[in-house]
Amino acid sequence: SNSGLIETLSNIYLNRMDNFLIDQSSTKQNEFYGRYQNQIFFTWNQSLDELEQIVKSMKSEYHHLSFDIHIGKNLNYLDLYLENRHSLLYSRVHR
């Protein structure tokens, strides 16, 4: 099957974006970044203006990719439910 090759090429291609987002979030306290294939999420406890600048940079650098951006205190990510509860990351299996 070609799925292994496709996943490897995807990881290589998205590595620069991973590093950019990890650098942005890891320099802040208590931030988390995760990606599975083309699904990315990260926590952000800084200002909305800073986040908008990061998103703007990401969209400019990767203008050929489409992004759906959701901002909120919780999300369903793959089979997980994640929630920010007073700056603590709460998770549970969601099906």
PDB file of N, CA and C in Angstrom:
ATOM      1  N   SER A   1       0.833  -1.188   0.000  1.00  0.00           N
ATOM      2  CA  SER A   1       0.000   0.000   0.000  1.00  0.00           C
ATOM      3  C   SER A   1       0.876   1.250   0.000  1.00  0.00           C
ATOM      4  N   ASN A   2       0.400   2.279  -0.657  1.00  0.00           N
ATOM      5  CA  ASN A   2       1.132   3.545  -0.725  1.00  0.00           C
ATOM      6  C   ASN A   2       0.885   4.441   0.482  1.00  0.00           C
ATOM      7  N   SER A   3      -0.004   4.034   1.386  1.00  0.00           N
ATOM      8  CA  SER A   3      -0.352   4.917   2.502  1.00  0.00           C
ATOM      9  C   SER A   3       0.845   5.216   3.394  1.00  0.00           C
ATOM     10  N   GLY A   4       1.747   4.260   3.577  1.00  0.00           N
ATOM     11  CA  GLY A   4       2.946   4.506   4.372  1.00  0.00           C
ATOM     12  C   GLY A   4       3.844   5.542   3.737  1.00  0.00           C
ATOM     13  N   LEU A   5       4.006   5.453   2.419  1.00  0.00           N
ATOM     14  CA  LEU A   5       4.820   6.423   1.695  1.00  0.00           C
ATOM     15  C   LEU A   5       4.179   7.806   1.745  1.00  0.00           C
ATOM     16  N   ILE A   6       2.868   7.863   1.559  1.00  0.00           N
ATOM     17  CA  ILE A   6       2.156   9.140   1.588  1.00  0.00           C
ATOM     18  C   ILE A   6       2.285   9.786   2.963  1.00  0.00           C
ATOM     19  N   GLU A   7       2.137   8.993   4.012  1.00  0.00           N
ATOM     20  CA  GLU A   7       2.264   9.530   5.369  1.00  0.00           C
ATOM     21  C   GLU A   7       3.681  10.047   5.623  1.00  0.00           C
ATOM     22  N   THR A   8       4.681   9.316   5.176  1.00  0.00           N
ATOM     23  CA  THR A   8       6.075   9.747   5.343  1.00  0.00           C
ATOM     24  C   THR A   8       6.338  11.050   4.599  1.00  0.00           C
ATOM     25  N   LEU A   9       5.890  11.137   3.353  1.00  0.00           N
ATOM     26  CA  LEU A   9       6.084  12.366   2.575  1.00  0.00           C
ATOM     27  C   LEU A   9       5.338  13.546   3.201  1.00  0.00           C
ATOM     28  N   SER A  10       4.149  13.281   3.718  1.00  0.00           N
ATOM     29  CA  SER A  10       3.377  14.319   4.393  1.00  0.00           C
ATOM     30  C   SER A  10       4.119  14.826   5.629  1.00  0.00           C
ATOM     31  N   ASN A  11       4.683  13.907   6.405  1.00  0.00           N
ATOM     32  CA  ASN A  11       5.440  14.301   7.598  1.00  0.00           C
ATOM     33  C   ASN A  11       6.662  15.131   7.234  1.00  0.00           C
ATOM     34  N   ILE A  12       7.349  14.747   6.180  1.00  0.00           N
ATOM     35  CA  ILE A  12       8.516  15.513   5.729  1.00  0.00           C
ATOM     36  C   ILE A  12       8.080  16.911   5.303  1.00  0.00           C
ATOM     37  N   TYR A  13       7.002  16.985   4.533  1.00  0.00           N
ATOM     38  CA  TYR A  13       6.523  18.265   4.019  1.00  0.00           C
ATOM     39  C   TYR A  13       6.076  19.193   5.152  1.00  0.00           C
ATOM     40  N   LEU A  14       5.378  18.644   6.144  1.00  0.00           N
ATOM     41  CA  LEU A  14       4.826  19.469   7.217  1.00  0.00           C
ATOM     42  C   LEU A  14       5.805  19.711   8.361  1.00  0.00           C
ATOM     43  N   ASN A  15       6.997  19.145   8.282  1.00  0.00           N
ATOM     44  CA  ASN A  15       7.972  19.282   9.358  1.00  0.00           C
ATOM     45  C   ASN A  15       8.322  20.734   9.655  1.00  0.00           C
ATOM     46  N   ARG A  16       8.497  21.546   8.624  1.00  0.00           N
ATOM     47  CA  ARG A  16       8.825  22.958   8.838  1.00  0.00           C
ATOM     48  C   ARG A  16       7.699  23.694   9.556  1.00  0.00           C
ATOM     49  N   MET A  17       6.453  23.393   9.173  1.00  0.00           N
ATOM     50  CA  MET A  17       5.323  24.021   9.839  1.00  0.00           C
ATOM     51  C   MET A  17       5.238  23.544  11.283  1.00  0.00           C
ATOM     52  N   ASP A  18       5.465  22.248  11.512  1.00  0.00           N
ATOM     53  CA  ASP A  18       5.497  21.731  12.883  1.00  0.00           C
ATOM     54  C   ASP A  18       6.503  22.511  13.716  1.00  0.00           C
ATOM     55  N   ASN A  19       7.717  22.641  13.196  1.00  0.00           N
ATOM     56  CA  ASN A  19       8.774  23.334  13.940  1.00  0.00           C
ATOM     57  C   ASN A  19       8.413  24.786  14.220  1.00  0.00           C
ATOM     58  N   PHE A  20       7.815  25.451  13.243  1.00  0.00           N
ATOM     59  CA  PHE A  20       7.394  26.841  13.433  1.00  0.00           C
ATOM     60  C   PHE A  20       6.373  26.943  14.562  1.00  0.00           C
ATOM     61  N   LEU A  21       5.344  26.105  14.519  1.00  0.00           N
ATOM     62  CA  LEU A  21       4.295  26.166  15.535  1.00  0.00           C
ATOM     63  C   LEU A  21       4.797  25.708  16.899  1.00  0.00           C
ATOM     64  N   ILE A  22       5.657  24.713  16.918  1.00  0.00           N
ATOM     65  CA  ILE A  22       6.233  24.259  18.187  1.00  0.00           C
ATOM     66  C   ILE A  22       7.093  25.369  18.787  1.00  0.00           C
ATOM     67  N   ASP A  23       7.894  26.021  17.962  1.00  0.00           N
ATOM     68  CA  ASP A  23       8.711  27.135  18.457  1.00  0.00           C
ATOM     69  C   ASP A  23       7.836  28.246  19.031  1.00  0.00           C
ATOM     70  N   GLN A  24       6.743  28.551  18.360  1.00  0.00           N
ATOM     71  CA  GLN A  24       5.853  29.613  18.831  1.00  0.00           C
ATOM     72  C   GLN A  24       5.188  29.241  20.147  1.00  0.00           C
ATOM     73  N   SER A  25       4.752  27.985  20.267  1.00  0.00           N
ATOM     74  CA  SER A  25       4.029  27.594  21.472  1.00  0.00           C
ATOM     75  C   SER A  25       4.957  27.191  22.608  1.00  0.00           C
ATOM     76  N   SER A  26       6.124  26.638  22.305  1.00  0.00           N
ATOM     77  CA  SER A  26       6.999  26.170  23.383  1.00  0.00           C
ATOM     78  C   SER A  26       7.721  27.304  24.087  1.00  0.00           C
ATOM     79  N   THR A  27       7.803  28.467  23.445  1.00  0.00           N
ATOM     80  CA  THR A  27       8.433  29.596  24.121  1.00  0.00           C
ATOM     81  C   THR A  27       7.491  30.212  25.145  1.00  0.00           C
ATOM     82  N   LYS A  28       6.247  29.842  25.095  1.00  0.00           N
ATOM     83  CA  LYS A  28       5.257  30.303  26.068  1.00  0.00           C
ATOM     84  C   LYS A  28       5.097  29.215  27.129  1.00  0.00           C
ATOM     85  N   GLN A  29       4.591  29.595  28.269  1.00  0.00           N
ATOM     86  CA  GLN A  29       4.407  28.607  29.330  1.00  0.00           C
ATOM     87  C   GLN A  29       3.134  27.804  29.113  1.00  0.00           C
ATOM     88  N   ASN A  30       3.209  26.545  29.457  1.00  0.00           N
ATOM     89  CA  ASN A  30       2.044  25.656  29.501  1.00  0.00           C
ATOM     90  C   ASN A  30       1.296  25.539  28.179  1.00  0.00           C
ATOM     91  N   GLU A  31       2.006  25.479  27.077  1.00  0.00           N
ATOM     92  CA  GLU A  31       1.364  25.311  25.777  1.00  0.00           C
ATOM     93  C   GLU A  31       1.605  23.897  25.275  1.00  0.00           C
ATOM     94  N   PHE A  32       0.723  23.444  24.411  1.00  0.00           N
ATOM     95  CA  PHE A  32       0.793  22.077  23.904  1.00  0.00           C
ATOM     96  C   PHE A  32       0.516  22.092  22.411  1.00  0.00           C
ATOM     97  N   TYR A  33       1.244  21.282  21.662  1.00  0.00           N
ATOM     98  CA  TYR A  33       1.082  21.179  20.214  1.00  0.00           C
ATOM     99  C   TYR A  33       0.931  19.713  19.849  1.00  0.00           C
ATOM    100  N   GLY A  34       0.008  19.425  18.949  1.00  0.00           N
ATOM    101  CA  GLY A  34      -0.154  18.053  18.475  1.00  0.00           C
ATOM    102  C   GLY A  34      -0.565  18.026  17.017  1.00  0.00           C
ATOM    103  N   ARG A  35      -0.116  17.000  16.301  1.00  0.00           N
ATOM    104  CA  ARG A  35      -0.521  16.820  14.907  1.00  0.00           C
ATOM    105  C   ARG A  35      -0.596  15.337  14.614  1.00  0.00           C
ATOM    106  N   TYR A  36      -1.658  14.948  13.922  1.00  0.00           N
ATOM    107  CA  TYR A  36      -1.775  13.611  13.361  1.00  0.00           C
ATOM    108  C   TYR A  36      -2.160  13.786  11.905  1.00  0.00           C
ATOM    109  N   GLN A  37      -1.297  13.357  11.016  1.00  0.00           N
ATOM    110  CA  GLN A  37      -1.455  13.547   9.575  1.00  0.00           C
ATOM    111  C   GLN A  37      -1.673  15.026   9.286  1.00  0.00           C
ATOM    112  N   ASN A  38      -2.836  15.416   8.786  1.00  0.00           N
ATOM    113  CA  ASN A  38      -3.036  16.834   8.469  1.00  0.00           C
ATOM    114  C   ASN A  38      -3.928  17.548   9.485  1.00  0.00           C
ATOM    115  N   GLN A  39      -4.132  16.939  10.639  1.00  0.00           N
ATOM    116  CA  GLN A  39      -4.954  17.531  11.695  1.00  0.00           C
ATOM    117  C   GLN A  39      -4.034  18.088  12.779  1.00  0.00           C
ATOM    118  N   ILE A  40      -4.073  19.387  12.980  1.00  0.00           N
ATOM    119  CA  ILE A  40      -3.186  20.055  13.930  1.00  0.00           C
ATOM    120  C   ILE A  40      -4.025  20.727  15.005  1.00  0.00           C
ATOM    121  N   PHE A  41      -3.527  20.682  16.229  1.00  0.00           N
ATOM    122  CA  PHE A  41      -4.099  21.534  17.262  1.00  0.00           C
ATOM    123  C   PHE A  41      -2.986  21.995  18.183  1.00  0.00           C
ATOM    124  N   PHE A  42      -3.202  23.144  18.786  1.00  0.00           N
ATOM    125  CA  PHE A  42      -2.281  23.612  19.815  1.00  0.00           C
ATOM    126  C   PHE A  42      -3.034  24.515  20.775  1.00  0.00           C
ATOM    127  N   THR A  43      -2.535  24.568  21.999  1.00  0.00           N
ATOM    128  CA  THR A  43      -3.143  25.439  22.998  1.00  0.00           C
ATOM    129  C   THR A  43      -2.469  26.800  22.931  1.00  0.00           C
ATOM    130  N   TRP A  44      -3.199  27.807  23.374  1.00  0.00           N
ATOM    131  CA  TRP A  44      -2.672  29.169  23.336  1.00  0.00           C
ATOM    132  C   TRP A  44      -3.280  29.958  24.481  1.00  0.00           C
ATOM    133  N   ASN A  45      -2.440  30.433  25.371  1.00  0.00           N
ATOM    134  CA  ASN A  45      -2.905  31.211  26.519  1.00  0.00           C
ATOM    135  C   ASN A  45      -2.420  32.655  26.471  1.00  0.00           C
ATOM    136  N   GLN A  46      -1.901  33.071  25.331  1.00  0.00           N
ATOM    137  CA  GLN A  46      -1.418  34.445  25.182  1.00  0.00           C
ATOM    138  C   GLN A  46      -2.529  35.286  24.541  1.00  0.00           C
ATOM    139  N   SER A  47      -2.181  36.463  24.075  1.00  0.00           N
ATOM    140  CA  SER A  47      -3.188  37.369  23.524  1.00  0.00           C
ATOM    141  C   SER A  47      -3.704  36.873  22.171  1.00  0.00           C
ATOM    142  N   LEU A  48      -4.918  37.273  21.869  1.00  0.00           N
ATOM    143  CA  LEU A  48      -5.523  36.942  20.582  1.00  0.00           C
ATOM    144  C   LEU A  48      -4.748  37.609  19.447  1.00  0.00           C
ATOM    145  N   ASP A  49      -4.218  38.801  19.684  1.00  0.00           N
ATOM    146  CA  ASP A  49      -3.412  39.489  18.662  1.00  0.00           C
ATOM    147  C   ASP A  49      -2.182  38.676  18.285  1.00  0.00           C
ATOM    148  N   GLU A  50      -1.497  38.108  19.289  1.00  0.00           N
ATOM    149  CA  GLU A  50      -0.319  37.272  19.008  1.00  0.00           C
ATOM    150  C   GLU A  50      -0.707  36.038  18.205  1.00  0.00           C
ATOM    151  N   LEU A  51      -1.822  35.437  18.570  1.00  0.00           N
ATOM    152  CA  LEU A  51      -2.299  34.255  17.851  1.00  0.00           C
ATOM    153  C   LEU A  51      -2.642  34.602  16.408  1.00  0.00           C
ATOM    154  N   GLU A  52      -3.305  35.724  16.206  1.00  0.00           N
ATOM    155  CA  GLU A  52      -3.657  36.145  14.849  1.00  0.00           C
ATOM    156  C   GLU A  52      -2.414  36.381  13.999  1.00  0.00           C
ATOM    157  N   GLN A  53      -1.345  36.897  14.592  1.00  0.00           N
ATOM    158  CA  GLN A  53      -0.086  37.091  13.863  1.00  0.00           C
ATOM    159  C   GLN A  53       0.523  35.755  13.448  1.00  0.00           C
ATOM    160  N   ILE A  54       0.476  34.778  14.333  1.00  0.00           N
ATOM    161  CA  ILE A  54       1.002  33.447  14.021  1.00  0.00           C
ATOM    162  C   ILE A  54       0.193  32.817  12.896  1.00  0.00           C
ATOM    163  N   VAL A  55      -1.122  32.910  12.988  1.00  0.00           N
ATOM    164  CA  VAL A  55      -1.991  32.347  11.950  1.00  0.00           C
ATOM    165  C   VAL A  55      -1.744  33.056  10.621  1.00  0.00           C
ATOM    166  N   LYS A  56      -1.598  34.365  10.657  1.00  0.00           N
ATOM    167  CA  LYS A  56      -1.317  35.135   9.436  1.00  0.00           C
ATOM    168  C   LYS A  56       0.002  34.685   8.812  1.00  0.00           C
ATOM    169  N   SER A  57       1.035  34.507   9.622  1.00  0.00           N
ATOM    170  CA  SER A  57       2.337  34.034   9.124  1.00  0.00           C
ATOM    171  C   SER A  57       2.217  32.645   8.522  1.00  0.00           C
ATOM    172  N   MET A  58       1.479  31.785   9.210  1.00  0.00           N
ATOM    173  CA  MET A  58       1.307  30.411   8.740  1.00  0.00           C
ATOM    174  C   MET A  58       0.563  30.388   7.400  1.00  0.00           C
ATOM    175  N   LYS A  59      -0.500  31.168   7.286  1.00  0.00           N
ATOM    176  CA  LYS A  59      -1.263  31.215   6.033  1.00  0.00           C
ATOM    177  C   LYS A  59      -0.440  31.808   4.897  1.00  0.00           C
ATOM    178  N   SER A  60       0.398  32.775   5.212  1.00  0.00           N
ATOM    179  CA  SER A  60       1.251  33.382   4.191  1.00  0.00           C
ATOM    180  C   SER A  60       2.303  32.395   3.702  1.00  0.00           C
ATOM    181  N   GLU A  61       2.941  31.714   4.627  1.00  0.00           N
ATOM    182  CA  GLU A  61       3.999  30.755   4.284  1.00  0.00           C
ATOM    183  C   GLU A  61       3.438  29.532   3.560  1.00  0.00           C
ATOM    184  N   TYR A  62       2.252  29.106   3.951  1.00  0.00           N
ATOM    185  CA  TYR A  62       1.641  27.891   3.385  1.00  0.00           C
ATOM    186  C   TYR A  62       0.338  28.250   2.677  1.00  0.00           C
ATOM    187  N   HIS A  63       0.396  29.258   1.810  1.00  0.00           N
ATOM    188  CA  HIS A  63      -0.792  29.779   1.128  1.00  0.00           C
ATOM    189  C   HIS A  63      -1.478  28.739   0.252  1.00  0.00           C
ATOM    190  N   HIS A  64      -0.777  27.710  -0.142  1.00  0.00           N
ATOM    191  CA  HIS A  64      -1.344  26.669  -1.001  1.00  0.00           C
ATOM    192  C   HIS A  64      -2.120  25.617  -0.201  1.00  0.00           C
ATOM    193  N   LEU A  65      -2.079  25.704   1.128  1.00  0.00           N
ATOM    194  CA  LEU A  65      -2.852  24.790   1.970  1.00  0.00           C
ATOM    195  C   LEU A  65      -4.083  25.515   2.478  1.00  0.00           C
ATOM    196  N   SER A  66      -5.145  24.776   2.732  1.00  0.00           N
ATOM    197  CA  SER A  66      -6.327  25.404   3.324  1.00  0.00           C
ATOM    198  C   SER A  66      -6.348  25.094   4.817  1.00  0.00           C
ATOM    199  N   PHE A  67      -6.798  26.063   5.581  1.00  0.00           N
ATOM    200  CA  PHE A  67      -6.844  25.933   7.031  1.00  0.00           C
ATOM    201  C   PHE A  67      -8.252  26.217   7.516  1.00  0.00           C
ATOM    202  N   ASP A  68      -8.746  25.385   8.391  1.00  0.00           N
ATOM    203  CA  ASP A  68      -9.964  25.663   9.142  1.00  0.00           C
ATOM    204  C   ASP A  68      -9.507  25.931  10.563  1.00  0.00           C
ATOM    205  N   ILE A  69      -9.734  27.134  11.032  1.00  0.00           N
ATOM    206  CA  ILE A  69      -9.245  27.523  12.347  1.00  0.00           C
ATOM    207  C   ILE A  69     -10.433  27.685  13.277  1.00  0.00           C
ATOM    208  N   HIS A  70     -10.331  27.041  14.427  1.00  0.00           N
ATOM    209  CA  HIS A  70     -11.379  27.103  15.442  1.00  0.00           C
ATOM    210  C   HIS A  70     -10.740  27.543  16.749  1.00  0.00           C
ATOM    211  N   ILE A  71     -11.294  28.571  17.343  1.00  0.00           N
ATOM    212  CA  ILE A  71     -10.781  29.078  18.608  1.00  0.00           C
ATOM    213  C   ILE A  71     -11.860  28.866  19.658  1.00  0.00           C
ATOM    214  N   GLY A  72     -11.487  28.237  20.749  1.00  0.00           N
ATOM    215  CA  GLY A  72     -12.434  28.000  21.823  1.00  0.00           C
ATOM    216  C   GLY A  72     -11.765  27.313  22.994  1.00  0.00           C
ATOM    217  N   LYS A  73     -12.549  27.005  24.001  1.00  0.00           N
ATOM    218  CA  LYS A  73     -12.017  26.359  25.199  1.00  0.00           C
ATOM    219  C   LYS A  73     -12.047  24.843  25.106  1.00  0.00           C
ATOM    220  N   ASN A  74     -12.676  24.293  24.061  1.00  0.00           N
ATOM    221  CA  ASN A  74     -12.708  22.834  23.927  1.00  0.00           C
ATOM    222  C   ASN A  74     -12.776  22.453  22.454  1.00  0.00           C
ATOM    223  N   LEU A  75     -12.444  21.185  22.189  1.00  0.00           N
ATOM    224  CA  LEU A  75     -12.555  20.673  20.834  1.00  0.00           C
ATOM    225  C   LEU A  75     -12.567  19.157  20.840  1.00  0.00           C
ATOM    226  N   ASN A  76     -13.133  18.609  19.787  1.00  0.00           N
ATOM    227  CA  ASN A  76     -13.036  17.177  19.515  1.00  0.00           C
ATOM    228  C   ASN A  76     -11.928  17.021  18.490  1.00  0.00           C
ATOM    229  N   TYR A  77     -10.928  16.228  18.838  1.00  0.00           N
ATOM    230  CA  TYR A  77      -9.760  16.031  17.980  1.00  0.00           C
ATOM    231  C   TYR A  77      -9.556  14.541  17.822  1.00  0.00           C
ATOM    232  N   LEU A  78      -9.807  14.052  16.600  1.00  0.00           N
ATOM    233  CA  LEU A  78      -9.765  12.616  16.335  1.00  0.00           C
ATOM    234  C   LEU A  78     -10.719  11.930  17.301  1.00  0.00           C
ATOM    235  N   ASP A  79     -10.240  11.038  18.160  1.00  0.00           N
ATOM    236  CA  ASP A  79     -11.120  10.362  19.125  1.00  0.00           C
ATOM    237  C   ASP A  79     -11.014  10.953  20.524  1.00  0.00           C
ATOM    238  N   LEU A  80     -10.529  12.179  20.629  1.00  0.00           N
ATOM    239  CA  LEU A  80     -10.361  12.813  21.930  1.00  0.00           C
ATOM    240  C   LEU A  80     -11.259  14.026  22.068  1.00  0.00           C
ATOM    241  N   TYR A  81     -11.687  14.255  23.289  1.00  0.00           N
ATOM    242  CA  TYR A  81     -12.318  15.515  23.657  1.00  0.00           C
ATOM    243  C   TYR A  81     -11.295  16.241  24.526  1.00  0.00           C
ATOM    244  N   LEU A  82     -10.939  17.460  24.155  1.00  0.00           N
ATOM    245  CA  LEU A  82      -9.955  18.252  24.894  1.00  0.00           C
ATOM    246  C   LEU A  82     -10.615  19.536  25.371  1.00  0.00           C
ATOM    247  N   GLU A  83     -10.266  19.932  26.580  1.00  0.00           N
ATOM    248  CA  GLU A  83     -10.877  21.128  27.149  1.00  0.00           C
ATOM    249  C   GLU A  83      -9.872  21.870  28.026  1.00  0.00           C
ATOM    250  N   ASN A  84      -9.893  23.180  27.931  1.00  0.00           N
ATOM    251  CA  ASN A  84      -9.097  24.035  28.809  1.00  0.00           C
ATOM    252  C   ASN A  84      -9.962  24.360  30.017  1.00  0.00           C
ATOM    253  N   ARG A  85      -9.584  23.817  31.150  1.00  0.00           N
ATOM    254  CA  ARG A  85     -10.296  24.097  32.397  1.00  0.00           C
ATOM    255  C   ARG A  85      -9.364  24.893  33.299  1.00  0.00           C
ATOM    256  N   HIS A  86      -9.545  26.193  33.291  1.00  0.00           N
ATOM    257  CA  HIS A  86      -8.736  27.081  34.133  1.00  0.00           C
ATOM    258  C   HIS A  86      -7.246  26.818  33.936  1.00  0.00           C
ATOM    259  N   SER A  87      -6.824  26.791  32.681  1.00  0.00           N
ATOM    260  CA  SER A  87      -5.424  26.597  32.258  1.00  0.00           C
ATOM    261  C   SER A  87      -4.899  25.188  32.472  1.00  0.00           C
ATOM    262  N   LEU A  88      -5.769  24.227  32.742  1.00  0.00           N
ATOM    263  CA  LEU A  88      -5.387  22.816  32.805  1.00  0.00           C
ATOM    264  C   LEU A  88      -6.017  22.101  31.620  1.00  0.00           C
ATOM    265  N   LEU A  89      -5.241  21.267  30.940  1.00  0.00           N
ATOM    266  CA  LEU A  89      -5.745  20.534  29.784  1.00  0.00           C
ATOM    267  C   LEU A  89      -6.426  19.261  30.263  1.00  0.00           C
ATOM    268  N   TYR A  90      -7.722  19.169  30.031  1.00  0.00           N
ATOM    269  CA  TYR A  90      -8.524  18.017  30.405  1.00  0.00           C
ATOM    270  C   TYR A  90      -8.809  17.238  29.127  1.00  0.00           C
ATOM    271  N   SER A  91      -8.723  15.914  29.199  1.00  0.00           N
ATOM    272  CA  SER A  91      -8.996  15.107  28.005  1.00  0.00           C
ATOM    273  C   SER A  91      -9.759  13.849  28.375  1.00  0.00           C
ATOM    274  N   ARG A  92     -10.503  13.345  27.398  1.00  0.00           N
ATOM    275  CA  ARG A  92     -11.175  12.050  27.542  1.00  0.00           C
ATOM    276  C   ARG A  92     -11.385  11.480  26.146  1.00  0.00           C
ATOM    277  N   VAL A  93     -11.551  10.174  26.083  1.00  0.00           N
ATOM    278  CA  VAL A  93     -11.811   9.512  24.802  1.00  0.00           C
ATOM    279  C   VAL A  93     -13.217   9.887  24.362  1.00  0.00           C
ATOM    280  N   HIS A  94     -13.319  10.292  23.117  1.00  0.00           N
ATOM    281  CA  HIS A  94     -14.598  10.724  22.539  1.00  0.00           C
ATOM    282  C   HIS A  94     -14.871   9.873  21.309  1.00  0.00           C
ATOM    283  N   ARG A  95     -16.014   9.264  21.241  1.00  0.00           N
ATOM    284  CA  ARG A  95     -16.352   8.441  20.074  1.00  0.00           C
ATOM    285  C   ARG A  95     -17.670   8.863  19.492  1.00  0.00           C
TER     286      ARG A  95
END
